[in-house]
Amino acid sequence: GRFVLVPASFSFQHDSAGQVEARANFAGVDTRAGDVVFRSYIIASGATPAAAMESVLTILFPPVTAEP
């Protein structure tokens, strides 16, 4: 593939409401040119670290539905 999604960093902390807050940085890289074509910084919360990370991934890759 020409383009690669690179998970650049992840961190977890508690927010003011006691939820787990996940912060994630992603970069899209053109492997032929060596250029970063986009960057994404996402902050999402959940009851557990796994739920917070699931929220991050839902923001990054929203569900796609096809209605007839």
PDB file of N, CA and C in Angstrom:
ATOM      1  N   GLY A   1       0.810  -1.178   0.000  1.00  0.00           N
ATOM      2  CA  GLY A   1       0.000   0.000   0.000  1.00  0.00           C
ATOM      3  C   GLY A   1       0.859   1.249   0.000  1.00  0.00           C
ATOM      4  N   ARG A   2       0.326   2.260  -0.593  1.00  0.00           N
ATOM      5  CA  ARG A   2       1.040   3.520  -0.670  1.00  0.00           C
ATOM      6  C   ARG A   2       0.888   4.340   0.605  1.00  0.00           C
ATOM      7  N   PHE A   3      -0.275   4.289   1.217  1.00  0.00           N
ATOM      8  CA  PHE A   3      -0.536   5.099   2.403  1.00  0.00           C
ATOM      9  C   PHE A   3      -0.602   4.217   3.645  1.00  0.00           C
ATOM     10  N   VAL A   4      -0.054   4.725   4.737  1.00  0.00           N
ATOM     11  CA  VAL A   4      -0.001   3.991   5.992  1.00  0.00           C
ATOM     12  C   VAL A   4      -0.558   4.877   7.093  1.00  0.00           C
ATOM     13  N   LEU A   5      -1.376   4.288   7.972  1.00  0.00           N
ATOM     14  CA  LEU A   5      -1.858   4.978   9.158  1.00  0.00           C
ATOM     15  C   LEU A   5      -0.929   4.622  10.311  1.00  0.00           C
ATOM     16  N   VAL A   6      -0.274   5.622  10.876  1.00  0.00           N
ATOM     17  CA  VAL A   6       0.713   5.397  11.925  1.00  0.00           C
ATOM     18  C   VAL A   6       0.165   5.893  13.260  1.00  0.00           C
ATOM     19  N   PRO A   7      -0.001   4.994  14.240  1.00  0.00           N
ATOM     20  CA  PRO A   7      -0.375   5.457  15.581  1.00  0.00           C
ATOM     21  C   PRO A   7       0.867   6.072  16.238  1.00  0.00           C
ATOM     22  N   ALA A   8       0.866   7.381  16.380  1.00  0.00           N
ATOM     23  CA  ALA A   8       2.062   8.079  16.855  1.00  0.00           C
ATOM     24  C   ALA A   8       2.182   8.085  18.371  1.00  0.00           C
ATOM     25  N   SER A   9       1.057   8.252  19.088  1.00  0.00           N
ATOM     26  CA  SER A   9       1.127   8.237  20.551  1.00  0.00           C
ATOM     27  C   SER A   9      -0.248   7.994  21.152  1.00  0.00           C
ATOM     28  N   PHE A  10      -0.233   7.411  22.348  1.00  0.00           N
ATOM     29  CA  PHE A  10      -1.448   7.204  23.136  1.00  0.00           C
ATOM     30  C   PHE A  10      -1.145   7.571  24.569  1.00  0.00           C
ATOM     31  N   SER A  11      -2.113   8.171  25.253  1.00  0.00           N
ATOM     32  CA  SER A  11      -1.974   8.400  26.684  1.00  0.00           C
ATOM     33  C   SER A  11      -3.356   8.299  27.323  1.00  0.00           C
ATOM     34  N   PHE A  12      -3.363   7.927  28.595  1.00  0.00           N
ATOM     35  CA  PHE A  12      -4.598   7.804  29.356  1.00  0.00           C
ATOM     36  C   PHE A  12      -4.461   8.606  30.637  1.00  0.00           C
ATOM     37  N   GLN A  13      -5.549   9.230  31.043  1.00  0.00           N
ATOM     38  CA  GLN A  13      -5.598   9.944  32.317  1.00  0.00           C
ATOM     39  C   GLN A  13      -7.057  10.023  32.748  1.00  0.00           C
ATOM     40  N   HIS A  14      -7.286  10.433  33.975  1.00  0.00           N
ATOM     41  CA  HIS A  14      -8.653  10.607  34.457  1.00  0.00           C
ATOM     42  C   HIS A  14      -9.079  12.044  34.206  1.00  0.00           C
ATOM     43  N   ASP A  15     -10.313  12.229  33.730  1.00  0.00           N
ATOM     44  CA  ASP A  15     -10.822  13.583  33.540  1.00  0.00           C
ATOM     45  C   ASP A  15     -11.502  14.055  34.823  1.00  0.00           C
ATOM     46  N   SER A  16     -12.058  15.253  34.817  1.00  0.00           N
ATOM     47  CA  SER A  16     -12.648  15.847  36.023  1.00  0.00           C
ATOM     48  C   SER A  16     -13.894  15.106  36.507  1.00  0.00           C
ATOM     49  N   ALA A  17     -14.539  14.321  35.638  1.00  0.00           N
ATOM     50  CA  ALA A  17     -15.742  13.571  36.018  1.00  0.00           C
ATOM     51  C   ALA A  17     -15.393  12.157  36.493  1.00  0.00           C
ATOM     52  N   GLY A  18     -14.116  11.800  36.532  1.00  0.00           N
ATOM     53  CA  GLY A  18     -13.703  10.483  36.976  1.00  0.00           C
ATOM     54  C   GLY A  18     -13.648   9.445  35.868  1.00  0.00           C
ATOM     55  N   GLN A  19     -13.964   9.828  34.650  1.00  0.00           N
ATOM     56  CA  GLN A  19     -13.870   8.926  33.509  1.00  0.00           C
ATOM     57  C   GLN A  19     -12.408   8.806  33.077  1.00  0.00           C
ATOM     58  N   VAL A  20     -12.106   7.767  32.337  1.00  0.00           N
ATOM     59  CA  VAL A  20     -10.775   7.615  31.747  1.00  0.00           C
ATOM     60  C   VAL A  20     -10.771   8.366  30.423  1.00  0.00           C
ATOM     61  N   GLU A  21      -9.796   9.231  30.264  1.00  0.00           N
ATOM     62  CA  GLU A  21      -9.671  10.010  29.029  1.00  0.00           C
ATOM     63  C   GLU A  21      -8.499   9.465  28.226  1.00  0.00           C
ATOM     64  N   ALA A  22      -8.762   9.120  26.970  1.00  0.00           N
ATOM     65  CA  ALA A  22      -7.716   8.638  26.066  1.00  0.00           C
ATOM     66  C   ALA A  22      -7.377   9.755  25.089  1.00  0.00           C
ATOM     67  N   ARG A  23      -6.099   9.971  24.882  1.00  0.00           N
ATOM     68  CA  ARG A  23      -5.620  10.939  23.891  1.00  0.00           C
ATOM     69  C   ARG A  23      -4.753  10.179  22.905  1.00  0.00           C
ATOM     70  N   ALA A  24      -5.029  10.367  21.624  1.00  0.00           N
ATOM     71  CA  ALA A  24      -4.308   9.612  20.601  1.00  0.00           C
ATOM     72  C   ALA A  24      -3.916  10.519  19.448  1.00  0.00           C
ATOM     73  N   ASN A  25      -2.713  10.309  18.952  1.00  0.00           N
ATOM     74  CA  ASN A  25      -2.216  10.995  17.757  1.00  0.00           C
ATOM     75  C   ASN A  25      -2.013   9.957  16.665  1.00  0.00           C
ATOM     76  N   PHE A  26      -2.516  10.263  15.479  1.00  0.00           N
ATOM     77  CA  PHE A  26      -2.330   9.405  14.319  1.00  0.00           C
ATOM     78  C   PHE A  26      -1.776  10.258  13.186  1.00  0.00           C
ATOM     79  N   ALA A  27      -0.991   9.622  12.321  1.00  0.00           N
ATOM     80  CA  ALA A  27      -0.489  10.308  11.135  1.00  0.00           C
ATOM     81  C   ALA A  27      -0.730   9.412   9.934  1.00  0.00           C
ATOM     82  N   GLY A  28      -1.098  10.016   8.827  1.00  0.00           N
ATOM     83  CA  GLY A  28      -1.216   9.314   7.554  1.00  0.00           C
ATOM     84  C   GLY A  28       0.018   9.642   6.734  1.00  0.00           C
ATOM     85  N   VAL A  29       0.734   8.603   6.301  1.00  0.00           N
ATOM     86  CA  VAL A  29       2.010   8.802   5.623  1.00  0.00           C
ATOM     87  C   VAL A  29       1.956   8.220   4.212  1.00  0.00           C
ATOM     88  N   ASP A  30       2.436   9.005   3.256  1.00  0.00           N
ATOM     89  CA  ASP A  30       2.620   8.537   1.878  1.00  0.00           C
ATOM     90  C   ASP A  30       3.985   7.862   1.841  1.00  0.00           C
ATOM     91  N   THR A  31       3.998   6.532   1.690  1.00  0.00           N
ATOM     92  CA  THR A  31       5.261   5.800   1.785  1.00  0.00           C
ATOM     93  C   THR A  31       6.173   6.023   0.595  1.00  0.00           C
ATOM     94  N   ARG A  32       5.628   6.371  -0.556  1.00  0.00           N
ATOM     95  CA  ARG A  32       6.483   6.616  -1.732  1.00  0.00           C
ATOM     96  C   ARG A  32       7.223   7.942  -1.624  1.00  0.00           C
ATOM     97  N   ALA A  33       6.498   8.973  -1.201  1.00  0.00           N
ATOM     98  CA  ALA A  33       7.097  10.305  -1.121  1.00  0.00           C
ATOM     99  C   ALA A  33       7.708  10.584   0.251  1.00  0.00           C
ATOM    100  N   GLY A  34       7.304   9.792   1.272  1.00  0.00           N
ATOM    101  CA  GLY A  34       7.801  10.035   2.621  1.00  0.00           C
ATOM    102  C   GLY A  34       7.165  11.243   3.268  1.00  0.00           C
ATOM    103  N   ASP A  35       5.987  11.638   2.798  1.00  0.00           N
ATOM    104  CA  ASP A  35       5.311  12.823   3.324  1.00  0.00           C
ATOM    105  C   ASP A  35       4.205  12.432   4.292  1.00  0.00           C
ATOM    106  N   VAL A  36       4.017  13.256   5.310  1.00  0.00           N
ATOM    107  CA  VAL A  36       2.860  13.124   6.186  1.00  0.00           C
ATOM    108  C   VAL A  36       1.718  13.862   5.505  1.00  0.00           C
ATOM    109  N   VAL A  37       0.637  13.135   5.157  1.00  0.00           N
ATOM    110  CA  VAL A  37      -0.462  13.743   4.418  1.00  0.00           C
ATOM    111  C   VAL A  37      -1.588  14.216   5.328  1.00  0.00           C
ATOM    112  N   PHE A  38      -1.671  13.670   6.545  1.00  0.00           N
ATOM    113  CA  PHE A  38      -2.603  14.212   7.522  1.00  0.00           C
ATOM    114  C   PHE A  38      -2.176  13.802   8.925  1.00  0.00           C
ATOM    115  N   ARG A  39      -2.650  14.571   9.885  1.00  0.00           N
ATOM    116  CA  ARG A  39      -2.447  14.267  11.304  1.00  0.00           C
ATOM    117  C   ARG A  39      -3.792  14.371  11.989  1.00  0.00           C
ATOM    118  N   SER A  40      -3.987  13.552  13.001  1.00  0.00           N
ATOM    119  CA  SER A  40      -5.238  13.554  13.737  1.00  0.00           C
ATOM    120  C   SER A  40      -4.935  13.481  15.224  1.00  0.00           C
ATOM    121  N   TYR A  41      -5.569  14.324  16.010  1.00  0.00           N
ATOM    122  CA  TYR A  41      -5.430  14.313  17.464  1.00  0.00           C
ATOM    123  C   TYR A  41      -6.824  14.109  18.026  1.00  0.00           C
ATOM    124  N   ILE A  42      -7.039  13.002  18.721  1.00  0.00           N
ATOM    125  CA  ILE A  42      -8.364  12.634  19.191  1.00  0.00           C
ATOM    126  C   ILE A  42      -8.350  12.508  20.707  1.00  0.00           C
ATOM    127  N   ILE A  43      -9.380  13.064  21.349  1.00  0.00           N
ATOM    128  CA  ILE A  43      -9.584  12.924  22.781  1.00  0.00           C
ATOM    129  C   ILE A  43     -10.965  12.313  22.977  1.00  0.00           C
ATOM    130  N   ALA A  44     -11.040  11.209  23.732  1.00  0.00           N
ATOM    131  CA  ALA A  44     -12.317  10.559  23.994  1.00  0.00           C
ATOM    132  C   ALA A  44     -12.292   9.971  25.403  1.00  0.00           C
ATOM    133  N   SER A  45     -13.486   9.785  25.968  1.00  0.00           N
ATOM    134  CA  SER A  45     -13.602   9.276  27.334  1.00  0.00           C
ATOM    135  C   SER A  45     -14.394   7.978  27.376  1.00  0.00           C
ATOM    136  N   GLY A  46     -14.182   7.225  28.455  1.00  0.00           N
ATOM    137  CA  GLY A  46     -14.920   5.995  28.699  1.00  0.00           C
ATOM    138  C   GLY A  46     -14.757   5.585  30.143  1.00  0.00           C
ATOM    139  N   ALA A  47     -15.505   4.587  30.549  1.00  0.00           N
ATOM    140  CA  ALA A  47     -15.453   4.124  31.940  1.00  0.00           C
ATOM    141  C   ALA A  47     -14.156   3.384  32.250  1.00  0.00           C
ATOM    142  N   THR A  48     -13.586   2.738  31.242  1.00  0.00           N
ATOM    143  CA  THR A  48     -12.333   1.987  31.395  1.00  0.00           C
ATOM    144  C   THR A  48     -11.376   2.408  30.281  1.00  0.00           C
ATOM    145  N   PRO A  49     -10.098   2.074  30.400  1.00  0.00           N
ATOM    146  CA  PRO A  49      -9.184   2.392  29.299  1.00  0.00           C
ATOM    147  C   PRO A  49      -9.617   1.755  27.971  1.00  0.00           C
ATOM    148  N   ALA A  50     -10.130   0.521  28.028  1.00  0.00           N
ATOM    149  CA  ALA A  50     -10.580  -0.141  26.799  1.00  0.00           C
ATOM    150  C   ALA A  50     -11.762   0.594  26.177  1.00  0.00           C
ATOM    151  N   ALA A  51     -12.696   1.056  27.009  1.00  0.00           N
ATOM    152  CA  ALA A  51     -13.852   1.794  26.494  1.00  0.00           C
ATOM    153  C   ALA A  51     -13.429   3.141  25.922  1.00  0.00           C
ATOM    154  N   ALA A  52     -12.466   3.798  26.562  1.00  0.00           N
ATOM    155  CA  ALA A  52     -11.966   5.070  26.042  1.00  0.00           C
ATOM    156  C   ALA A  52     -11.268   4.873  24.704  1.00  0.00           C
ATOM    157  N   MET A  53     -10.482   3.798  24.577  1.00  0.00           N
ATOM    158  CA  MET A  53      -9.804   3.527  23.306  1.00  0.00           C
ATOM    159  C   MET A  53     -10.811   3.153  22.230  1.00  0.00           C
ATOM    160  N   GLU A  54     -11.862   2.433  22.602  1.00  0.00           N
ATOM    161  CA  GLU A  54     -12.915   2.111  21.632  1.00  0.00           C
ATOM    162  C   GLU A  54     -13.580   3.391  21.126  1.00  0.00           C
ATOM    163  N   SER A  55     -13.769   4.364  21.999  1.00  0.00           N
ATOM    164  CA  SER A  55     -14.332   5.654  21.593  1.00  0.00           C
ATOM    165  C   SER A  55     -13.403   6.381  20.632  1.00  0.00           C
ATOM    166  N   VAL A  56     -12.100   6.320  20.891  1.00  0.00           N
ATOM    167  CA  VAL A  56     -11.123   6.927  19.982  1.00  0.00           C
ATOM    168  C   VAL A  56     -11.222   6.291  18.598  1.00  0.00           C
ATOM    169  N   LEU A  57     -11.281   4.964  18.556  1.00  0.00           N
ATOM    170  CA  LEU A  57     -11.334   4.269  17.270  1.00  0.00           C
ATOM    171  C   LEU A  57     -12.653   4.513  16.543  1.00  0.00           C
ATOM    172  N   THR A  58     -13.745   4.686  17.290  1.00  0.00           N
ATOM    173  CA  THR A  58     -15.032   5.007  16.664  1.00  0.00           C
ATOM    174  C   THR A  58     -15.000   6.393  16.040  1.00  0.00           C
ATOM    175  N   ILE A  59     -14.304   7.323  16.680  1.00  0.00           N
ATOM    176  CA  ILE A  59     -14.159   8.659  16.104  1.00  0.00           C
ATOM    177  C   ILE A  59     -13.291   8.592  14.844  1.00  0.00           C
ATOM    178  N   LEU A  60     -12.200   7.825  14.915  1.00  0.00           N
ATOM    179  CA  LEU A  60     -11.283   7.721  13.782  1.00  0.00           C
ATOM    180  C   LEU A  60     -11.908   6.969  12.610  1.00  0.00           C
ATOM    181  N   PHE A  61     -12.617   5.878  12.916  1.00  0.00           N
ATOM    182  CA  PHE A  61     -13.262   5.042  11.892  1.00  0.00           C
ATOM    183  C   PHE A  61     -14.756   4.925  12.206  1.00  0.00           C
ATOM    184  N   PRO A  62     -15.557   5.914  11.841  1.00  0.00           N
ATOM    185  CA  PRO A  62     -16.983   5.836  12.163  1.00  0.00           C
ATOM    186  C   PRO A  62     -17.646   4.671  11.437  1.00  0.00           C
ATOM    187  N   PRO A  63     -18.679   4.086  12.076  1.00  0.00           N
ATOM    188  CA  PRO A  63     -19.375   2.975  11.411  1.00  0.00           C
ATOM    189  C   PRO A  63     -20.040   3.459  10.113  1.00  0.00           C
ATOM    190  N   VAL A  64     -19.967   2.609   9.116  1.00  0.00           N
ATOM    191  CA  VAL A  64     -20.580   2.930   7.831  1.00  0.00           C
ATOM    192  C   VAL A  64     -21.759   1.979   7.623  1.00  0.00           C
ATOM    193  N   THR A  65     -22.918   2.545   7.350  1.00  0.00           N
ATOM    194  CA  THR A  65     -24.087   1.716   7.079  1.00  0.00           C
ATOM    195  C   THR A  65     -24.620   2.066   5.702  1.00  0.00           C
ATOM    196  N   ALA A  66     -25.148   1.059   5.056  1.00  0.00           N
ATOM    197  CA  ALA A  66     -25.754   1.257   3.753  1.00  0.00           C
ATOM    198  C   ALA A  66     -27.243   0.964   3.867  1.00  0.00           C
ATOM    199  N   GLU A  67     -28.031   1.967   3.657  1.00  0.00           N
ATOM    200  CA  GLU A  67     -29.476   1.777   3.709  1.00  0.00           C
ATOM    201  C   GLU A  67     -29.994   1.500   2.308  1.00  0.00           C
ATOM    202  N   PRO A  68     -30.894   0.504   2.189  1.00  0.00           N
ATOM    203  CA  PRO A  68     -31.407   0.178   0.843  1.00  0.00           C
ATOM    204  C   PRO A  68     -32.282   1.270   0.267  1.00  0.00           C
TER     205      PRO A  68
END
